[in-house]
Amino acid sequence: MKKTIALSLVLAASMSLAACSKKADDAAANAADTMAAEAVEGADNAADAAVNAADTAANATDAAGNAVDAAADAAANAADAAKK
């Protein structure tokens, strides 16, 4: 009788450990999924920031080109005015 009770207690303890490890596995899998999703989101954000920086640089280049064109036009107008 004592052996039967001891065996059932060992079996119950084994079952509870198996149940706990499943929860731990689920928690680890959920944590891994969350970290992977956050890594992808971070990469997307970094890519967006790089595109925004490139757009800003292109806009600055366009503005500089426009300023050079305006200066050249002003110089040409001044030269034309000096001829008259």
PDB file of N, CA and C in Angstrom:
ATOM      1  N   MET A   1       0.828  -1.187   0.000  1.00  0.00           N
ATOM      2  CA  MET A   1       0.000   0.000   0.000  1.00  0.00           C
ATOM      3  C   MET A   1       0.873   1.252   0.000  1.00  0.00           C
ATOM      4  N   LYS A   2       1.939   1.245   0.810  1.00  0.00           N
ATOM      5  CA  LYS A   2       2.833   2.405   0.853  1.00  0.00           C
ATOM      6  C   LYS A   2       3.494   2.607  -0.506  1.00  0.00           C
ATOM      7  N   LYS A   3       3.833   1.492  -1.161  1.00  0.00           N
ATOM      8  CA  LYS A   3       4.476   1.605  -2.471  1.00  0.00           C
ATOM      9  C   LYS A   3       3.497   2.199  -3.487  1.00  0.00           C
ATOM     10  N   THR A   4       2.256   1.847  -3.397  1.00  0.00           N
ATOM     11  CA  THR A   4       1.246   2.357  -4.320  1.00  0.00           C
ATOM     12  C   THR A   4       1.058   3.862  -4.125  1.00  0.00           C
ATOM     13  N   ILE A   5       1.010   4.276  -2.878  1.00  0.00           N
ATOM     14  CA  ILE A   5       0.851   5.702  -2.583  1.00  0.00           C
ATOM     15  C   ILE A   5       2.090   6.463  -3.044  1.00  0.00           C
ATOM     16  N   ALA A   6       3.262   5.919  -2.763  1.00  0.00           N
ATOM     17  CA  ALA A   6       4.507   6.574  -3.175  1.00  0.00           C
ATOM     18  C   ALA A   6       4.585   6.663  -4.699  1.00  0.00           C
ATOM     19  N   LEU A   7       4.196   5.582  -5.364  1.00  0.00           N
ATOM     20  CA  LEU A   7       4.219   5.573  -6.824  1.00  0.00           C
ATOM     21  C   LEU A   7       3.238   6.602  -7.399  1.00  0.00           C
ATOM     22  N   SER A   8       2.035   6.711  -6.814  1.00  0.00           N
ATOM     23  CA  SER A   8       1.081   7.700  -7.299  1.00  0.00           C
ATOM     24  C   SER A   8       1.572   9.111  -7.044  1.00  0.00           C
ATOM     25  N   LEU A   9       2.256   9.352  -5.940  1.00  0.00           N
ATOM     26  CA  LEU A   9       2.808  10.681  -5.684  1.00  0.00           C
ATOM     27  C   LEU A   9       3.904  11.028  -6.703  1.00  0.00           C
ATOM     28  N   VAL A  10       4.743  10.053  -7.018  1.00  0.00           N
ATOM     29  CA  VAL A  10       5.796  10.269  -8.013  1.00  0.00           C
ATOM     30  C   VAL A  10       5.169  10.537  -9.377  1.00  0.00           C
ATOM     31  N   LEU A  11       4.128   9.781  -9.713  1.00  0.00           N
ATOM     32  CA  LEU A  11       3.438   9.992 -10.974  1.00  0.00           C
ATOM     33  C   LEU A  11       2.796  11.381 -11.033  1.00  0.00           C
ATOM     34  N   ALA A  12       2.166  11.788  -9.935  1.00  0.00           N
ATOM     35  CA  ALA A  12       1.543  13.113  -9.888  1.00  0.00           C
ATOM     36  C   ALA A  12       2.601  14.216 -10.018  1.00  0.00           C
ATOM     37  N   ALA A  13       3.735  14.031  -9.362  1.00  0.00           N
ATOM     38  CA  ALA A  13       4.813  15.021  -9.453  1.00  0.00           C
ATOM     39  C   ALA A  13       5.352  15.084 -10.877  1.00  0.00           C
ATOM     40  N   SER A  14       5.478  13.936 -11.509  1.00  0.00           N
ATOM     41  CA  SER A  14       5.964  13.904 -12.891  1.00  0.00           C
ATOM     42  C   SER A  14       5.005  14.615 -13.822  1.00  0.00           C
ATOM     43  N   MET A  15       3.714  14.395 -13.627  1.00  0.00           N
ATOM     44  CA  MET A  15       2.714  15.047 -14.467  1.00  0.00           C
ATOM     45  C   MET A  15       2.746  16.560 -14.280  1.00  0.00           C
ATOM     46  N   SER A  16       2.922  17.007 -13.047  1.00  0.00           N
ATOM     47  CA  SER A  16       2.954  18.447 -12.806  1.00  0.00           C
ATOM     48  C   SER A  16       4.202  19.077 -13.425  1.00  0.00           C
ATOM     49  N   LEU A  17       5.317  18.372 -13.395  1.00  0.00           N
ATOM     50  CA  LEU A  17       6.526  18.887 -14.034  1.00  0.00           C
ATOM     51  C   LEU A  17       6.347  18.963 -15.551  1.00  0.00           C
ATOM     52  N   ALA A  18       5.712  17.971 -16.104  1.00  0.00           N
ATOM     53  CA  ALA A  18       5.474  17.983 -17.546  1.00  0.00           C
ATOM     54  C   ALA A  18       4.569  19.148 -17.925  1.00  0.00           C
ATOM     55  N   ALA A  19       3.583  19.418 -17.113  1.00  0.00           N
ATOM     56  CA  ALA A  19       2.687  20.539 -17.376  1.00  0.00           C
ATOM     57  C   ALA A  19       3.435  21.864 -17.262  1.00  0.00           C
ATOM     58  N   CYS A  20       4.307  21.982 -16.292  1.00  0.00           N
ATOM     59  CA  CYS A  20       5.071  23.214 -16.107  1.00  0.00           C
ATOM     60  C   CYS A  20       6.028  23.433 -17.265  1.00  0.00           C
ATOM     61  N   SER A  21       6.662  22.385 -17.729  1.00  0.00           N
ATOM     62  CA  SER A  21       7.622  22.570 -18.809  1.00  0.00           C
ATOM     63  C   SER A  21       6.915  22.990 -20.093  1.00  0.00           C
ATOM     64  N   LYS A  22       5.703  22.542 -20.321  1.00  0.00           N
ATOM     65  CA  LYS A  22       4.941  22.962 -21.487  1.00  0.00           C
ATOM     66  C   LYS A  22       4.664  24.466 -21.409  1.00  0.00           C
ATOM     67  N   LYS A  23       4.308  24.946 -20.230  1.00  0.00           N
ATOM     68  CA  LYS A  23       4.076  26.380 -20.057  1.00  0.00           C
ATOM     69  C   LYS A  23       5.362  27.152 -20.292  1.00  0.00           C
ATOM     70  N   ALA A  24       6.478  26.611 -19.802  1.00  0.00           N
ATOM     71  CA  ALA A  24       7.763  27.279 -20.004  1.00  0.00           C
ATOM     72  C   ALA A  24       8.119  27.300 -21.486  1.00  0.00           C
ATOM     73  N   ASP A  25       7.848  26.195 -22.176  1.00  0.00           N
ATOM     74  CA  ASP A  25       8.108  26.154 -23.616  1.00  0.00           C
ATOM     75  C   ASP A  25       7.245  27.176 -24.347  1.00  0.00           C
ATOM     76  N   ASP A  26       5.981  27.265 -23.965  1.00  0.00           N
ATOM     77  CA  ASP A  26       5.084  28.241 -24.591  1.00  0.00           C
ATOM     78  C   ASP A  26       5.562  29.666 -24.329  1.00  0.00           C
ATOM     79  N   ALA A  27       5.971  29.924 -23.098  1.00  0.00           N
ATOM     80  CA  ALA A  27       6.442  31.261 -22.750  1.00  0.00           C
ATOM     81  C   ALA A  27       7.707  31.600 -23.536  1.00  0.00           C
ATOM     82  N   ALA A  28       8.607  30.631 -23.665  1.00  0.00           N
ATOM     83  CA  ALA A  28       9.836  30.863 -24.429  1.00  0.00           C
ATOM     84  C   ALA A  28       9.519  31.102 -25.901  1.00  0.00           C
ATOM     85  N   ALA A  29       8.587  30.347 -26.442  1.00  0.00           N
ATOM     86  CA  ALA A  29       8.201  30.528 -27.842  1.00  0.00           C
ATOM     87  C   ALA A  29       7.551  31.887 -28.052  1.00  0.00           C
ATOM     88  N   ASN A  30       6.705  32.293 -27.131  1.00  0.00           N
ATOM     89  CA  ASN A  30       6.065  33.612 -27.237  1.00  0.00           C
ATOM     90  C   ASN A  30       7.094  34.730 -27.139  1.00  0.00           C
ATOM     91  N   ALA A  31       8.058  34.561 -26.230  1.00  0.00           N
ATOM     92  CA  ALA A  31       9.111  35.574 -26.091  1.00  0.00           C
ATOM     93  C   ALA A  31       9.943  35.652 -27.367  1.00  0.00           C
ATOM     94  N   ALA A  32      10.261  34.503 -27.951  1.00  0.00           N
ATOM     95  CA  ALA A  32      11.033  34.493 -29.193  1.00  0.00           C
ATOM     96  C   ALA A  32      10.245  35.145 -30.326  1.00  0.00           C
ATOM     97  N   ASP A  33       8.959  34.854 -30.413  1.00  0.00           N
ATOM     98  CA  ASP A  33       8.120  35.473 -31.447  1.00  0.00           C
ATOM     99  C   ASP A  33       8.066  36.985 -31.274  1.00  0.00           C
ATOM    100  N   THR A  34       7.923  37.424 -30.030  1.00  0.00           N
ATOM    101  CA  THR A  34       7.856  38.859 -29.750  1.00  0.00           C
ATOM    102  C   THR A  34       9.160  39.543 -30.128  1.00  0.00           C
ATOM    103  N   MET A  35      10.282  38.937 -29.752  1.00  0.00           N
ATOM    104  CA  MET A  35      11.574  39.538 -30.075  1.00  0.00           C
ATOM    105  C   MET A  35      11.793  39.570 -31.586  1.00  0.00           C
ATOM    106  N   ALA A  36      11.390  38.529 -32.289  1.00  0.00           N
ATOM    107  CA  ALA A  36      11.540  38.521 -33.749  1.00  0.00           C
ATOM    108  C   ALA A  36      10.683  39.609 -34.384  1.00  0.00           C
ATOM    109  N   ALA A  37       9.455  39.762 -33.903  1.00  0.00           N
ATOM    110  CA  ALA A  37       8.573  40.803 -34.439  1.00  0.00           C
ATOM    111  C   ALA A  37       9.149  42.192 -34.173  1.00  0.00           C
ATOM    112  N   GLU A  38       9.708  42.396 -32.983  1.00  0.00           N
ATOM    113  CA  GLU A  38      10.297  43.688 -32.656  1.00  0.00           C
ATOM    114  C   GLU A  38      11.538  43.952 -33.500  1.00  0.00           C
ATOM    115  N   ALA A  39      12.311  42.902 -33.794  1.00  0.00           N
ATOM    116  CA  ALA A  39      13.494  43.069 -34.635  1.00  0.00           C
ATOM    117  C   ALA A  39      13.092  43.474 -36.049  1.00  0.00           C
ATOM    118  N   VAL A  40      12.044  42.842 -36.566  1.00  0.00           N
ATOM    119  CA  VAL A  40      11.558  43.189 -37.908  1.00  0.00           C
ATOM    120  C   VAL A  40      11.040  44.624 -37.922  1.00  0.00           C
ATOM    121  N   GLU A  41      10.302  44.993 -36.900  1.00  0.00           N
ATOM    122  CA  GLU A  41       9.784  46.364 -36.822  1.00  0.00           C
ATOM    123  C   GLU A  41      10.924  47.373 -36.729  1.00  0.00           C
ATOM    124  N   GLY A  42      11.936  47.029 -35.946  1.00  0.00           N
ATOM    125  CA  GLY A  42      13.101  47.917 -35.840  1.00  0.00           C
ATOM    126  C   GLY A  42      13.821  48.067 -37.170  1.00  0.00           C
ATOM    127  N   ALA A  43      13.943  46.972 -37.907  1.00  0.00           N
ATOM    128  CA  ALA A  43      14.584  47.038 -39.222  1.00  0.00           C
ATOM    129  C   ALA A  43      13.753  47.879 -40.181  1.00  0.00           C
ATOM    130  N   ASP A  44      12.449  47.727 -40.137  1.00  0.00           N
ATOM    131  CA  ASP A  44      11.564  48.547 -40.975  1.00  0.00           C
ATOM    132  C   ASP A  44      11.715  50.026 -40.634  1.00  0.00           C
ATOM    133  N   ASN A  45      11.762  50.328 -39.349  1.00  0.00           N
ATOM    134  CA  ASN A  45      11.915  51.725 -38.921  1.00  0.00           C
ATOM    135  C   ASN A  45      13.253  52.291 -39.383  1.00  0.00           C
ATOM    136  N   ALA A  46      14.302  51.479 -39.303  1.00  0.00           N
ATOM    137  CA  ALA A  46      15.621  51.927 -39.742  1.00  0.00           C
ATOM    138  C   ALA A  46      15.627  52.175 -41.250  1.00  0.00           C
ATOM    139  N   ALA A  47      14.974  51.303 -41.999  1.00  0.00           N
ATOM    140  CA  ALA A  47      14.898  51.488 -43.449  1.00  0.00           C
ATOM    141  C   ALA A  47      14.121  52.764 -43.784  1.00  0.00           C
ATOM    142  N   ASP A  48      13.029  52.983 -43.074  1.00  0.00           N
ATOM    143  CA  ASP A  48      12.250  54.210 -43.297  1.00  0.00           C
ATOM    144  C   ASP A  48      13.079  55.455 -42.985  1.00  0.00           C
ATOM    145  N   ALA A  49      13.844  55.395 -41.917  1.00  0.00           N
ATOM    146  CA  ALA A  49      14.683  56.536 -41.543  1.00  0.00           C
ATOM    147  C   ALA A  49      15.753  56.781 -42.607  1.00  0.00           C
ATOM    148  N   ALA A  50      16.303  55.705 -43.167  1.00  0.00           N
ATOM    149  CA  ALA A  50      17.313  55.856 -44.214  1.00  0.00           C
ATOM    150  C   ALA A  50      16.708  56.486 -45.469  1.00  0.00           C
ATOM    151  N   VAL A  51      15.508  56.059 -45.826  1.00  0.00           N
ATOM    152  CA  VAL A  51      14.832  56.643 -46.987  1.00  0.00           C
ATOM    153  C   VAL A  51      14.541  58.117 -46.739  1.00  0.00           C
ATOM    154  N   ASN A  52      14.088  58.451 -45.537  1.00  0.00           N
ATOM    155  CA  ASN A  52      13.819  59.851 -45.202  1.00  0.00           C
ATOM    156  C   ASN A  52      15.095  60.690 -45.273  1.00  0.00           C
ATOM    157  N   ALA A  53      16.201  60.131 -44.796  1.00  0.00           N
ATOM    158  CA  ALA A  53      17.472  60.855 -44.847  1.00  0.00           C
ATOM    159  C   ALA A  53      17.907  61.067 -46.289  1.00  0.00           C
ATOM    160  N   ALA A  54      17.712  60.054 -47.122  1.00  0.00           N
ATOM    161  CA  ALA A  54      18.068  60.196 -48.537  1.00  0.00           C
ATOM    162  C   ALA A  54      17.201  61.259 -49.209  1.00  0.00           C
ATOM    163  N   ASP A  55      15.926  61.276 -48.884  1.00  0.00           N
ATOM    164  CA  ASP A  55      15.028  62.301 -49.435  1.00  0.00           C
ATOM    165  C   ASP A  55      15.463  63.699 -49.002  1.00  0.00           C
ATOM    166  N   THR A  56      15.838  63.821 -47.739  1.00  0.00           N
ATOM    167  CA  THR A  56      16.291  65.117 -47.227  1.00  0.00           C
ATOM    168  C   THR A  56      17.556  65.561 -47.942  1.00  0.00           C
ATOM    169  N   ALA A  57      18.475  64.624 -48.166  1.00  0.00           N
ATOM    170  CA  ALA A  57      19.709  64.957 -48.886  1.00  0.00           C
ATOM    171  C   ALA A  57      19.404  65.366 -50.326  1.00  0.00           C
ATOM    172  N   ALA A  58      18.486  64.663 -50.963  1.00  0.00           N
ATOM    173  CA  ALA A  58      18.108  65.013 -52.341  1.00  0.00           C
ATOM    174  C   ALA A  58      17.488  66.402 -52.387  1.00  0.00           C
ATOM    175  N   ASN A  59      16.645  66.701 -51.403  1.00  0.00           N
ATOM    176  CA  ASN A  59      16.026  68.038 -51.346  1.00  0.00           C
ATOM    177  C   ASN A  59      17.075  69.121 -51.153  1.00  0.00           C
ATOM    178  N   ALA A  60      18.066  68.846 -50.313  1.00  0.00           N
ATOM    179  CA  ALA A  60      19.131  69.826 -50.081  1.00  0.00           C
ATOM    180  C   ALA A  60      19.949  70.034 -51.353  1.00  0.00           C
ATOM    181  N   THR A  61      20.194  68.937 -52.065  1.00  0.00           N
ATOM    182  CA  THR A  61      20.937  69.047 -53.328  1.00  0.00           C
ATOM    183  C   THR A  61      20.149  69.864 -54.346  1.00  0.00           C
ATOM    184  N   ASP A  62      18.853  69.612 -54.432  1.00  0.00           N
ATOM    185  CA  ASP A  62      18.001  70.392 -55.340  1.00  0.00           C
ATOM    186  C   ASP A  62      18.015  71.873 -54.966  1.00  0.00           C
ATOM    187  N   ALA A  63      17.931  72.150 -53.686  1.00  0.00           N
ATOM    188  CA  ALA A  63      17.933  73.546 -53.238  1.00  0.00           C
ATOM    189  C   ALA A  63      19.256  74.223 -53.585  1.00  0.00           C
ATOM    190  N   ALA A  64      20.362  73.508 -53.426  1.00  0.00           N
ATOM    191  CA  ALA A  64      21.667  74.077 -53.769  1.00  0.00           C
ATOM    192  C   ALA A  64      21.751  74.335 -55.274  1.00  0.00           C
ATOM    193  N   GLY A  65      21.236  73.387 -56.057  1.00  0.00           N
ATOM    194  CA  GLY A  65      21.234  73.577 -57.509  1.00  0.00           C
ATOM    195  C   GLY A  65      20.395  74.775 -57.915  1.00  0.00           C
ATOM    196  N   ASN A  66      19.252  74.923 -57.277  1.00  0.00           N
ATOM    197  CA  ASN A  66      18.394  76.081 -57.561  1.00  0.00           C
ATOM    198  C   ASN A  66      19.083  77.394 -57.197  1.00  0.00           C
ATOM    199  N   ALA A  67      19.809  77.388 -56.113  1.00  0.00           N
ATOM    200  CA  ALA A  67      20.526  78.595 -55.699  1.00  0.00           C
ATOM    201  C   ALA A  67      21.620  78.940 -56.702  1.00  0.00           C
ATOM    202  N   VAL A  68      22.322  77.919 -57.196  1.00  0.00           N
ATOM    203  CA  VAL A  68      23.359  78.164 -58.203  1.00  0.00           C
ATOM    204  C   VAL A  68      22.727  78.706 -59.487  1.00  0.00           C
ATOM    205  N   ASP A  69      21.606  78.103 -59.887  1.00  0.00           N
ATOM    206  CA  ASP A  69      20.914  78.593 -61.089  1.00  0.00           C
ATOM    207  C   ASP A  69      20.470  80.047 -60.915  1.00  0.00           C
ATOM    208  N   ALA A  70      19.946  80.371 -59.776  1.00  0.00           N
ATOM    209  CA  ALA A  70      19.489  81.738 -59.517  1.00  0.00           C
ATOM    210  C   ALA A  70      20.662  82.708 -59.542  1.00  0.00           C
ATOM    211  N   ALA A  71      21.788  82.298 -58.979  1.00  0.00           N
ATOM    212  CA  ALA A  71      22.969  83.165 -58.977  1.00  0.00           C
ATOM    213  C   ALA A  71      23.484  83.370 -60.399  1.00  0.00           C
ATOM    214  N   ALA A  72      23.463  82.304 -61.193  1.00  0.00           N
ATOM    215  CA  ALA A  72      23.908  82.429 -62.584  1.00  0.00           C
ATOM    216  C   ALA A  72      22.973  83.346 -63.367  1.00  0.00           C
ATOM    217  N   ASP A  73      21.680  83.191 -63.129  1.00  0.00           N
ATOM    218  CA  ASP A  73      20.721  84.068 -63.805  1.00  0.00           C
ATOM    219  C   ASP A  73      20.929  85.527 -63.398  1.00  0.00           C
ATOM    220  N   ALA A  74      21.160  85.750 -62.126  1.00  0.00           N
ATOM    221  CA  ALA A  74      21.375  87.113 -61.638  1.00  0.00           C
ATOM    222  C   ALA A  74      22.647  87.699 -62.256  1.00  0.00           C
ATOM    223  N   ALA A  75      23.684  86.876 -62.371  1.00  0.00           N
ATOM    224  CA  ALA A  75      24.933  87.358 -62.968  1.00  0.00           C
ATOM    225  C   ALA A  75      24.731  87.681 -64.443  1.00  0.00           C
ATOM    226  N   ALA A  76      23.985  86.823 -65.149  1.00  0.00           N
ATOM    227  CA  ALA A  76      23.716  87.083 -66.568  1.00  0.00           C
ATOM    228  C   ALA A  76      22.888  88.351 -66.742  1.00  0.00           C
ATOM    229  N   ASN A  77      21.909  88.558 -65.888  1.00  0.00           N
ATOM    230  CA  ASN A  77      21.089  89.776 -65.956  1.00  0.00           C
ATOM    231  C   ASN A  77      21.927  91.014 -65.682  1.00  0.00           C
ATOM    232  N   ALA A  78      22.843  90.894 -64.735  1.00  0.00           N
ATOM    233  CA  ALA A  78      23.699  92.025 -64.407  1.00  0.00           C
ATOM    234  C   ALA A  78      24.626  92.343 -65.583  1.00  0.00           C
ATOM    235  N   ALA A  79      25.139  91.283 -66.212  1.00  0.00           N
ATOM    236  CA  ALA A  79      26.016  91.495 -67.374  1.00  0.00           C
ATOM    237  C   ALA A  79      25.248  92.148 -68.516  1.00  0.00           C
ATOM    238  N   ASP A  80      24.000  91.678 -68.729  1.00  0.00           N
ATOM    239  CA  ASP A  80      23.167  92.295 -69.781  1.00  0.00           C
ATOM    240  C   ASP A  80      22.879  93.760 -69.469  1.00  0.00           C
ATOM    241  N   ALA A  81      22.591  94.057 -68.233  1.00  0.00           N
ATOM    242  CA  ALA A  81      22.311  95.436 -67.837  1.00  0.00           C
ATOM    243  C   ALA A  81      23.530  96.319 -68.003  1.00  0.00           C
ATOM    244  N   ALA A  82      24.717  95.753 -67.768  1.00  0.00           N
ATOM    245  CA  ALA A  82      25.947  96.540 -67.884  1.00  0.00           C
ATOM    246  C   ALA A  82      26.244  96.853 -69.344  1.00  0.00           C
ATOM    247  N   LYS A  83      25.815  96.000 -70.266  1.00  0.00           N
ATOM    248  CA  LYS A  83      26.043  96.222 -71.689  1.00  0.00           C
ATOM    249  C   LYS A  83      25.210  97.385 -72.226  1.00  0.00           C
ATOM    250  N   LYS A  84      24.097  97.659 -71.618  1.00  0.00           N
ATOM    251  CA  LYS A  84      23.180  98.675 -72.133  1.00  0.00           C
ATOM    252  C   LYS A  84      23.504 100.023 -71.651  1.00  0.00           C
TER     253      LYS A  84
END
